[in-house]
Amino acid sequence: MVSNLSLSFMLVALIIQFLSPIALTIYFYRKESISMKSLFVGVLSFTITQIIIRIPLLQVLQTTAWYQNLATTNLFLTSLILAFSAGLFEETGRFLGFKWPLKNQMEWKDGIAFGIGHGGMEALYIGLGSVNNIIISLAINSGTYDSLIAKQLPSETADFIKEQLISTPPTAFLAGGLERLFTIFVQIGLTMLVLYGVRNRKYVYFIYSILLHTLINLPLPFLLQYLGIWGTEAIIAVLAILSIILTFKARKYFRSDSV
């Protein structure tokens, strides 16, 4: 059985994942009159670069023998591939977004809107996983999992999913929800870096954003091993706080006379 506490934290995570981007959008729309176009381009950026391009490519890559061997023998190189590809695809999406559809909308508040759209879409996408977890957990607890869901999957996969949901500590589901909130602020910070470079024609900042994105993602699997879930989440929370501070401090660099 999946514990009631696990189910409760799955629901809390789902609420965070779905409501945090909505709440941030409402707050900054009222406070800064952010552009819905900039926000939508951010949503589109994540959708195209991650959901349509990168994730399917990784799924194909994971079926290859050499990658499967690498994943079991070299955690560092595997993590580097995942981290660098995330940085390359996502930051390129930001760069193209400000070079093309938002070429006339490059104010500080447009960076905020784009970052909320990008990070918010990521939160919603991962939130679908929380919905899936809740549905499967309810099926396990009602005794219908084996007859309704497991039959549609390879037996090893069905057993693995069931065991994971039953054995995962309840607080791990809560941590997943909080991580999405923290990540939105990191995404806003990375957006500001790219926007500054495009706005001032200093394209080296685009390279910096790829490298920074890679450096943020690369150590996460190792931190998880040595610090556990909450130790890792604490570091992500610190990164989120730093992103918030630097984002607001960077506002002065986006005044019209700073171009």
C-alpha atoms as a PDB file:
ATOM      1  CA  MET A   1       0.000   0.000   0.000  1.00  0.00           C
ATOM      2  CA  VAL A   2       1.073   3.575  -0.673  1.00  0.00           C
ATOM      3  CA  SER A   3       0.820   5.471   2.604  1.00  0.00           C
ATOM      4  CA  ASN A   4      -1.733   8.204   3.129  1.00  0.00           C
ATOM      5  CA  LEU A   5       1.138  10.560   3.968  1.00  0.00           C
ATOM      6  CA  SER A   6       2.756   9.841   0.593  1.00  0.00           C
ATOM      7  CA  LEU A   7      -0.539  10.540  -1.161  1.00  0.00           C
ATOM      8  CA  SER A   8      -0.941  13.764   0.812  1.00  0.00           C
ATOM      9  CA  PHE A   9       2.538  14.972  -0.145  1.00  0.00           C
ATOM     10  CA  MET A  10       1.934  14.018  -3.790  1.00  0.00           C
ATOM     11  CA  LEU A  11      -1.131  16.251  -3.702  1.00  0.00           C
ATOM     12  CA  VAL A  12       0.790  19.096  -2.031  1.00  0.00           C
ATOM     13  CA  ALA A  13       3.543  18.751  -4.665  1.00  0.00           C
ATOM     14  CA  LEU A  14       0.933  18.855  -7.425  1.00  0.00           C
ATOM     15  CA  ILE A  15      -0.601  22.027  -5.983  1.00  0.00           C
ATOM     16  CA  ILE A  16       2.832  23.687  -5.799  1.00  0.00           C
ATOM     17  CA  GLN A  17       3.724  22.630  -9.332  1.00  0.00           C
ATOM     18  CA  PHE A  18       0.495  23.952 -10.831  1.00  0.00           C
ATOM     19  CA  LEU A  19      -0.221  26.980  -8.678  1.00  0.00           C
ATOM     20  CA  SER A  20       3.251  28.501  -8.255  1.00  0.00           C
ATOM     21  CA  PRO A  21       3.600  29.663 -11.902  1.00  0.00           C
ATOM     22  CA  ILE A  22       0.019  30.939 -11.867  1.00  0.00           C
ATOM     23  CA  ALA A  23       0.604  32.844  -8.610  1.00  0.00           C
ATOM     24  CA  LEU A  24       3.869  34.346  -9.891  1.00  0.00           C
ATOM     25  CA  THR A  25       2.190  35.396 -13.127  1.00  0.00           C
ATOM     26  CA  ILE A  26      -0.631  37.144 -11.271  1.00  0.00           C
ATOM     27  CA  TYR A  27       1.779  38.835  -8.837  1.00  0.00           C
ATOM     28  CA  PHE A  28       4.136  40.217 -11.496  1.00  0.00           C
ATOM     29  CA  TYR A  29       1.294  41.143 -13.817  1.00  0.00           C
ATOM     30  CA  ARG A  30      -0.223  43.300 -11.105  1.00  0.00           C
ATOM     31  CA  LYS A  31       3.085  44.671  -9.831  1.00  0.00           C
ATOM     32  CA  GLU A  32       5.103  45.043 -13.049  1.00  0.00           C
ATOM     33  CA  SER A  33       2.499  44.728 -15.838  1.00  0.00           C
ATOM     34  CA  ILE A  34       4.509  41.923 -17.419  1.00  0.00           C
ATOM     35  CA  SER A  35       3.764  41.090 -21.030  1.00  0.00           C
ATOM     36  CA  MET A  36       1.701  37.986 -21.721  1.00  0.00           C
ATOM     37  CA  LYS A  37       3.516  37.708 -25.046  1.00  0.00           C
ATOM     38  CA  SER A  38       6.872  37.427 -23.245  1.00  0.00           C
ATOM     39  CA  LEU A  39       5.412  34.850 -20.888  1.00  0.00           C
ATOM     40  CA  PHE A  40       3.945  32.833 -23.777  1.00  0.00           C
ATOM     41  CA  VAL A  41       7.258  32.874 -25.653  1.00  0.00           C
ATOM     42  CA  GLY A  42       8.868  31.474 -22.496  1.00  0.00           C
ATOM     43  CA  VAL A  43       6.272  28.691 -22.428  1.00  0.00           C
ATOM     44  CA  LEU A  44       6.889  28.027 -26.115  1.00  0.00           C
ATOM     45  CA  SER A  45      10.651  28.014 -25.580  1.00  0.00           C
ATOM     46  CA  PHE A  46      10.515  25.214 -23.012  1.00  0.00           C
ATOM     47  CA  THR A  47       7.910  23.289 -24.990  1.00  0.00           C
ATOM     48  CA  ILE A  48       9.949  23.290 -28.200  1.00  0.00           C
ATOM     49  CA  THR A  49      13.458  22.874 -26.818  1.00  0.00           C
ATOM     50  CA  GLN A  50      12.646  20.302 -24.147  1.00  0.00           C
ATOM     51  CA  ILE A  51       9.367  18.508 -24.776  1.00  0.00           C
ATOM     52  CA  ILE A  52       9.526  18.428 -28.577  1.00  0.00           C
ATOM     53  CA  ILE A  53      13.294  18.197 -29.203  1.00  0.00           C
ATOM     54  CA  ARG A  54      15.571  17.302 -26.272  1.00  0.00           C
ATOM     55  CA  ILE A  55      13.492  14.784 -24.324  1.00  0.00           C
ATOM     56  CA  PRO A  56      12.628  12.649 -27.401  1.00  0.00           C
ATOM     57  CA  LEU A  57      16.292  12.742 -28.445  1.00  0.00           C
ATOM     58  CA  LEU A  58      17.339  11.543 -24.993  1.00  0.00           C
ATOM     59  CA  GLN A  59      14.749   8.775 -25.132  1.00  0.00           C
ATOM     60  CA  VAL A  60      16.283   7.567 -28.385  1.00  0.00           C
ATOM     61  CA  LEU A  61      19.781   7.905 -26.931  1.00  0.00           C
ATOM     62  CA  GLN A  62      18.806   5.803 -23.919  1.00  0.00           C
ATOM     63  CA  THR A  63      17.984   2.869 -26.195  1.00  0.00           C
ATOM     64  CA  THR A  64      21.533   2.716 -27.560  1.00  0.00           C
ATOM     65  CA  ALA A  65      23.940   0.146 -26.142  1.00  0.00           C
ATOM     66  CA  TRP A  66      26.831   2.580 -25.684  1.00  0.00           C
ATOM     67  CA  TYR A  67      24.727   5.017 -23.637  1.00  0.00           C
ATOM     68  CA  GLN A  68      23.264   2.237 -21.495  1.00  0.00           C
ATOM     69  CA  ASN A  69      26.806   1.051 -20.796  1.00  0.00           C
ATOM     70  CA  LEU A  70      27.945   4.607 -20.043  1.00  0.00           C
ATOM     71  CA  ALA A  71      25.020   5.180 -17.657  1.00  0.00           C
ATOM     72  CA  THR A  72      26.028   2.147 -15.591  1.00  0.00           C
ATOM     73  CA  THR A  73      29.785   2.736 -15.627  1.00  0.00           C
ATOM     74  CA  ASN A  74      30.379   6.497 -15.628  1.00  0.00           C
ATOM     75  CA  LEU A  75      27.982   8.691 -13.682  1.00  0.00           C
ATOM     76  CA  PHE A  76      30.042  11.830 -14.313  1.00  0.00           C
ATOM     77  CA  LEU A  77      29.990  11.620 -18.118  1.00  0.00           C
ATOM     78  CA  THR A  78      26.309  10.654 -18.105  1.00  0.00           C
ATOM     79  CA  SER A  79      25.501  13.628 -15.886  1.00  0.00           C
ATOM     80  CA  LEU A  80      27.637  15.886 -18.095  1.00  0.00           C
ATOM     81  CA  ILE A  81      25.716  14.858 -21.223  1.00  0.00           C
ATOM     82  CA  LEU A  82      22.371  15.496 -19.521  1.00  0.00           C
ATOM     83  CA  ALA A  83      23.461  18.770 -17.921  1.00  0.00           C
ATOM     84  CA  PHE A  84      25.139  20.215 -21.011  1.00  0.00           C
ATOM     85  CA  SER A  85      22.279  19.233 -23.320  1.00  0.00           C
ATOM     86  CA  ALA A  86      19.800  20.917 -20.963  1.00  0.00           C
ATOM     87  CA  GLY A  87      21.904  24.080 -20.928  1.00  0.00           C
ATOM     88  CA  LEU A  88      22.484  24.081 -24.675  1.00  0.00           C
ATOM     89  CA  PHE A  89      18.854  23.534 -25.675  1.00  0.00           C
ATOM     90  CA  GLU A  90      17.196  25.737 -23.056  1.00  0.00           C
ATOM     91  CA  GLU A  91      19.575  28.666 -23.337  1.00  0.00           C
ATOM     92  CA  THR A  92      19.405  28.541 -27.124  1.00  0.00           C
ATOM     93  CA  GLY A  93      15.639  28.735 -26.793  1.00  0.00           C
ATOM     94  CA  ARG A  94      15.966  31.856 -24.638  1.00  0.00           C
ATOM     95  CA  PHE A  95      18.472  33.407 -27.038  1.00  0.00           C
ATOM     96  CA  LEU A  96      16.268  32.834 -30.080  1.00  0.00           C
ATOM     97  CA  GLY A  97      13.213  34.026 -28.194  1.00  0.00           C
ATOM     98  CA  PHE A  98      14.751  37.445 -27.549  1.00  0.00           C
ATOM     99  CA  LYS A  99      16.416  37.640 -30.963  1.00  0.00           C
ATOM    100  CA  TRP A 100      13.223  36.999 -32.877  1.00  0.00           C
ATOM    101  CA  PRO A 101       9.666  37.208 -31.418  1.00  0.00           C
ATOM    102  CA  LEU A 102      10.728  39.462 -28.525  1.00  0.00           C
ATOM    103  CA  LYS A 103      13.299  41.593 -30.357  1.00  0.00           C
ATOM    104  CA  ASN A 104      11.289  44.708 -29.471  1.00  0.00           C
ATOM    105  CA  GLN A 105      10.487  43.594 -25.926  1.00  0.00           C
ATOM    106  CA  MET A 106      13.707  43.346 -23.959  1.00  0.00           C
ATOM    107  CA  GLU A 107      12.961  45.144 -20.731  1.00  0.00           C
ATOM    108  CA  TRP A 108      13.703  43.733 -17.296  1.00  0.00           C
ATOM    109  CA  LYS A 109      10.063  42.763 -16.850  1.00  0.00           C
ATOM    110  CA  ASP A 110      10.169  40.800 -20.110  1.00  0.00           C
ATOM    111  CA  GLY A 111      12.939  38.672 -18.638  1.00  0.00           C
ATOM    112  CA  ILE A 112      10.743  38.056 -15.599  1.00  0.00           C
ATOM    113  CA  ALA A 113       7.792  37.073 -17.793  1.00  0.00           C
ATOM    114  CA  PHE A 114       9.875  34.810 -20.042  1.00  0.00           C
ATOM    115  CA  GLY A 115      11.457  33.118 -17.023  1.00  0.00           C
ATOM    116  CA  ILE A 116       8.072  32.481 -15.406  1.00  0.00           C
ATOM    117  CA  GLY A 117       6.742  31.085 -18.673  1.00  0.00           C
ATOM    118  CA  HIS A 118       9.759  28.828 -19.193  1.00  0.00           C
ATOM    119  CA  GLY A 119      10.086  27.651 -15.597  1.00  0.00           C
ATOM    120  CA  GLY A 120       6.328  27.500 -15.131  1.00  0.00           C
ATOM    121  CA  MET A 121       5.875  25.246 -18.148  1.00  0.00           C
ATOM    122  CA  GLU A 122       8.584  22.995 -16.761  1.00  0.00           C
ATOM    123  CA  ALA A 123       6.729  22.849 -13.434  1.00  0.00           C
ATOM    124  CA  LEU A 124       3.452  22.005 -15.177  1.00  0.00           C
ATOM    125  CA  TYR A 125       5.116  19.336 -17.308  1.00  0.00           C
ATOM    126  CA  ILE A 126       6.654  17.658 -14.278  1.00  0.00           C
ATOM    127  CA  GLY A 127       3.360  18.148 -12.441  1.00  0.00           C
ATOM    128  CA  LEU A 128       1.830  15.674 -14.883  1.00  0.00           C
ATOM    129  CA  GLY A 129       4.132  13.117 -13.271  1.00  0.00           C
ATOM    130  CA  SER A 130       2.560  13.914  -9.912  1.00  0.00           C
ATOM    131  CA  VAL A 131      -0.890  13.358 -11.411  1.00  0.00           C
ATOM    132  CA  ASN A 132       0.322  10.010 -12.745  1.00  0.00           C
ATOM    133  CA  ASN A 133       1.762   9.057  -9.349  1.00  0.00           C
ATOM    134  CA  ILE A 134      -1.505   9.847  -7.601  1.00  0.00           C
ATOM    135  CA  ILE A 135      -3.587   7.853 -10.090  1.00  0.00           C
ATOM    136  CA  ILE A 136      -1.296   4.814  -9.907  1.00  0.00           C
ATOM    137  CA  SER A 137      -1.083   5.017  -6.099  1.00  0.00           C
ATOM    138  CA  LEU A 138      -4.870   5.076  -5.809  1.00  0.00           C
ATOM    139  CA  ALA A 139      -5.018   2.056  -8.104  1.00  0.00           C
ATOM    140  CA  ILE A 140      -2.479   0.209  -5.955  1.00  0.00           C
ATOM    141  CA  ASN A 141      -4.402   0.956  -2.771  1.00  0.00           C
ATOM    142  CA  SER A 142      -7.747  -0.030  -4.292  1.00  0.00           C
ATOM    143  CA  GLY A 143      -6.351  -3.313  -5.620  1.00  0.00           C
ATOM    144  CA  THR A 144      -6.975  -2.463  -9.275  1.00  0.00           C
ATOM    145  CA  TYR A 145      -3.365  -1.757 -10.273  1.00  0.00           C
ATOM    146  CA  ASP A 146      -2.564  -5.295 -11.410  1.00  0.00           C
ATOM    147  CA  SER A 147      -5.725  -5.673 -13.467  1.00  0.00           C
ATOM    148  CA  LEU A 148      -5.967  -2.188 -14.999  1.00  0.00           C
ATOM    149  CA  ILE A 149      -2.434  -0.793 -15.278  1.00  0.00           C
ATOM    150  CA  ALA A 150       0.168  -3.525 -14.823  1.00  0.00           C
ATOM    151  CA  LYS A 151      -1.273  -5.555 -17.709  1.00  0.00           C
ATOM    152  CA  GLN A 152      -0.443  -2.714 -20.086  1.00  0.00           C
ATOM    153  CA  LEU A 153       3.248  -2.747 -19.119  1.00  0.00           C
ATOM    154  CA  PRO A 154       6.142  -5.216 -19.150  1.00  0.00           C
ATOM    155  CA  SER A 155       6.026  -7.133 -15.863  1.00  0.00           C
ATOM    156  CA  GLU A 156       9.405  -5.833 -14.681  1.00  0.00           C
ATOM    157  CA  THR A 157       8.373  -2.225 -15.356  1.00  0.00           C
ATOM    158  CA  ALA A 158       5.025  -2.669 -13.588  1.00  0.00           C
ATOM    159  CA  ASP A 159       6.694  -4.205 -10.537  1.00  0.00           C
ATOM    160  CA  PHE A 160       9.340  -1.473 -10.452  1.00  0.00           C
ATOM    161  CA  ILE A 161       6.752   1.346 -10.569  1.00  0.00           C
ATOM    162  CA  LYS A 162       4.701  -0.263  -7.826  1.00  0.00           C
ATOM    163  CA  GLU A 163       7.724  -0.849  -5.586  1.00  0.00           C
ATOM    164  CA  GLN A 164       8.992   2.705  -6.081  1.00  0.00           C
ATOM    165  CA  LEU A 165       5.705   4.298  -5.071  1.00  0.00           C
ATOM    166  CA  ILE A 166       5.374   2.064  -2.029  1.00  0.00           C
ATOM    167  CA  SER A 167       8.968   2.370  -0.805  1.00  0.00           C
ATOM    168  CA  THR A 168       9.756   6.031  -1.596  1.00  0.00           C
ATOM    169  CA  PRO A 169       9.806   8.149   1.604  1.00  0.00           C
ATOM    170  CA  PRO A 170       6.728  10.406   1.726  1.00  0.00           C
ATOM    171  CA  THR A 171       8.816  13.567   2.104  1.00  0.00           C
ATOM    172  CA  ALA A 172      10.532  12.829  -1.234  1.00  0.00           C
ATOM    173  CA  PHE A 173       7.285  13.656  -3.016  1.00  0.00           C
ATOM    174  CA  LEU A 174       7.048  16.948  -1.135  1.00  0.00           C
ATOM    175  CA  ALA A 175      10.652  17.759  -2.048  1.00  0.00           C
ATOM    176  CA  GLY A 176       9.796  17.280  -5.716  1.00  0.00           C
ATOM    177  CA  GLY A 177       7.106  19.933  -5.474  1.00  0.00           C
ATOM    178  CA  LEU A 178       9.305  22.444  -3.676  1.00  0.00           C
ATOM    179  CA  GLU A 179      12.080  21.884  -6.197  1.00  0.00           C
ATOM    180  CA  ARG A 180       9.827  23.101  -9.008  1.00  0.00           C
ATOM    181  CA  LEU A 181       9.175  26.347  -7.139  1.00  0.00           C
ATOM    182  CA  PHE A 182      12.898  26.880  -6.507  1.00  0.00           C
ATOM    183  CA  THR A 183      13.727  26.059 -10.115  1.00  0.00           C
ATOM    184  CA  ILE A 184      11.391  28.723 -11.497  1.00  0.00           C
ATOM    185  CA  PHE A 185      13.496  31.406  -9.794  1.00  0.00           C
ATOM    186  CA  VAL A 186      16.691  29.856 -11.153  1.00  0.00           C
ATOM    187  CA  GLN A 187      15.135  29.878 -14.627  1.00  0.00           C
ATOM    188  CA  ILE A 188      14.305  33.574 -14.236  1.00  0.00           C
ATOM    189  CA  GLY A 189      17.917  34.282 -13.270  1.00  0.00           C
ATOM    190  CA  LEU A 190      19.281  32.425 -16.292  1.00  0.00           C
ATOM    191  CA  THR A 191      16.820  34.280 -18.516  1.00  0.00           C
ATOM    192  CA  MET A 192      18.131  37.613 -17.245  1.00  0.00           C
ATOM    193  CA  LEU A 193      21.675  36.600 -18.164  1.00  0.00           C
ATOM    194  CA  VAL A 194      20.699  35.777 -21.753  1.00  0.00           C
ATOM    195  CA  LEU A 195      18.476  38.842 -22.060  1.00  0.00           C
ATOM    196  CA  TYR A 196      21.283  41.126 -20.900  1.00  0.00           C
ATOM    197  CA  GLY A 197      23.592  39.673 -23.533  1.00  0.00           C
ATOM    198  CA  VAL A 198      21.079  40.003 -26.373  1.00  0.00           C
ATOM    199  CA  ARG A 199      19.943  43.482 -25.330  1.00  0.00           C
ATOM    200  CA  ASN A 200      23.505  44.801 -25.176  1.00  0.00           C
ATOM    201  CA  ARG A 201      24.860  42.675 -28.031  1.00  0.00           C
ATOM    202  CA  LYS A 202      27.271  40.967 -25.674  1.00  0.00           C
ATOM    203  CA  TYR A 203      26.692  37.438 -26.897  1.00  0.00           C
ATOM    204  CA  VAL A 204      29.345  35.960 -24.651  1.00  0.00           C
ATOM    205  CA  TYR A 205      26.654  36.072 -21.948  1.00  0.00           C
ATOM    206  CA  PHE A 206      24.769  33.445 -23.949  1.00  0.00           C
ATOM    207  CA  ILE A 207      27.829  31.188 -23.609  1.00  0.00           C
ATOM    208  CA  TYR A 208      28.006  32.028 -19.906  1.00  0.00           C
ATOM    209  CA  SER A 209      24.378  30.993 -19.494  1.00  0.00           C
ATOM    210  CA  ILE A 210      25.020  27.585 -21.092  1.00  0.00           C
ATOM    211  CA  LEU A 211      28.040  27.002 -18.869  1.00  0.00           C
ATOM    212  CA  LEU A 212      26.207  28.170 -15.739  1.00  0.00           C
ATOM    213  CA  HIS A 213      23.186  26.013 -16.537  1.00  0.00           C
ATOM    214  CA  THR A 214      25.504  23.032 -16.998  1.00  0.00           C
ATOM    215  CA  LEU A 215      27.343  23.738 -13.738  1.00  0.00           C
ATOM    216  CA  ILE A 216      24.057  23.949 -11.833  1.00  0.00           C
ATOM    217  CA  ASN A 217      22.737  20.635 -13.167  1.00  0.00           C
ATOM    218  CA  LEU A 218      25.971  18.623 -13.285  1.00  0.00           C
ATOM    219  CA  PRO A 219      26.542  18.014  -9.541  1.00  0.00           C
ATOM    220  CA  LEU A 220      22.907  17.232  -8.672  1.00  0.00           C
ATOM    221  CA  PRO A 221      23.169  13.405  -8.955  1.00  0.00           C
ATOM    222  CA  PHE A 222      26.291  13.438  -6.758  1.00  0.00           C
ATOM    223  CA  LEU A 223      24.708  15.784  -4.220  1.00  0.00           C
ATOM    224  CA  LEU A 224      21.736  13.437  -4.059  1.00  0.00           C
ATOM    225  CA  GLN A 225      24.070  10.533  -3.306  1.00  0.00           C
ATOM    226  CA  TYR A 226      26.016  12.270  -0.565  1.00  0.00           C
ATOM    227  CA  LEU A 227      23.584  14.811   0.892  1.00  0.00           C
ATOM    228  CA  GLY A 228      20.264  13.071   0.337  1.00  0.00           C
ATOM    229  CA  ILE A 229      17.077  14.640  -0.949  1.00  0.00           C
ATOM    230  CA  TRP A 230      16.772  17.442   1.582  1.00  0.00           C
ATOM    231  CA  GLY A 231      20.438  18.362   1.491  1.00  0.00           C
ATOM    232  CA  THR A 232      20.168  18.687  -2.281  1.00  0.00           C
ATOM    233  CA  GLU A 233      16.945  20.686  -2.012  1.00  0.00           C
ATOM    234  CA  ALA A 234      18.632  23.036   0.463  1.00  0.00           C
ATOM    235  CA  ILE A 235      21.327  23.813  -2.098  1.00  0.00           C
ATOM    236  CA  ILE A 236      18.724  24.366  -4.832  1.00  0.00           C
ATOM    237  CA  ALA A 237      16.871  26.681  -2.428  1.00  0.00           C
ATOM    238  CA  VAL A 238      20.079  28.679  -1.900  1.00  0.00           C
ATOM    239  CA  LEU A 239      20.505  28.944  -5.684  1.00  0.00           C
ATOM    240  CA  ALA A 240      16.910  30.163  -5.936  1.00  0.00           C
ATOM    241  CA  ILE A 241      17.504  32.832  -3.284  1.00  0.00           C
ATOM    242  CA  LEU A 242      20.693  33.971  -5.024  1.00  0.00           C
ATOM    243  CA  SER A 243      18.797  34.121  -8.321  1.00  0.00           C
ATOM    244  CA  ILE A 244      16.094  36.300  -6.764  1.00  0.00           C
ATOM    245  CA  ILE A 245      18.644  38.680  -5.243  1.00  0.00           C
ATOM    246  CA  LEU A 246      20.699  38.971  -8.434  1.00  0.00           C
ATOM    247  CA  THR A 247      17.583  39.351 -10.605  1.00  0.00           C
ATOM    248  CA  PHE A 248      16.382  42.363  -8.641  1.00  0.00           C
ATOM    249  CA  LYS A 249      19.880  43.833  -8.401  1.00  0.00           C
ATOM    250  CA  ALA A 250      20.194  43.498 -12.189  1.00  0.00           C
ATOM    251  CA  ARG A 251      17.175  45.717 -12.745  1.00  0.00           C
ATOM    252  CA  LYS A 252      19.354  48.818 -12.976  1.00  0.00           C
ATOM    253  CA  TYR A 253      21.201  47.320 -15.977  1.00  0.00           C
ATOM    254  CA  PHE A 254      17.967  47.223 -17.980  1.00  0.00           C
ATOM    255  CA  ARG A 255      17.128  50.918 -17.817  1.00  0.00           C
ATOM    256  CA  SER A 256      16.866  52.591 -21.212  1.00  0.00           C
ATOM    257  CA  ASP A 257      20.062  54.559 -20.694  1.00  0.00           C
ATOM    258  CA  SER A 258      22.110  51.438 -19.960  1.00  0.00           C
ATOM    259  CA  VAL A 259      21.925  50.014 -23.491  1.00  0.00           C
END
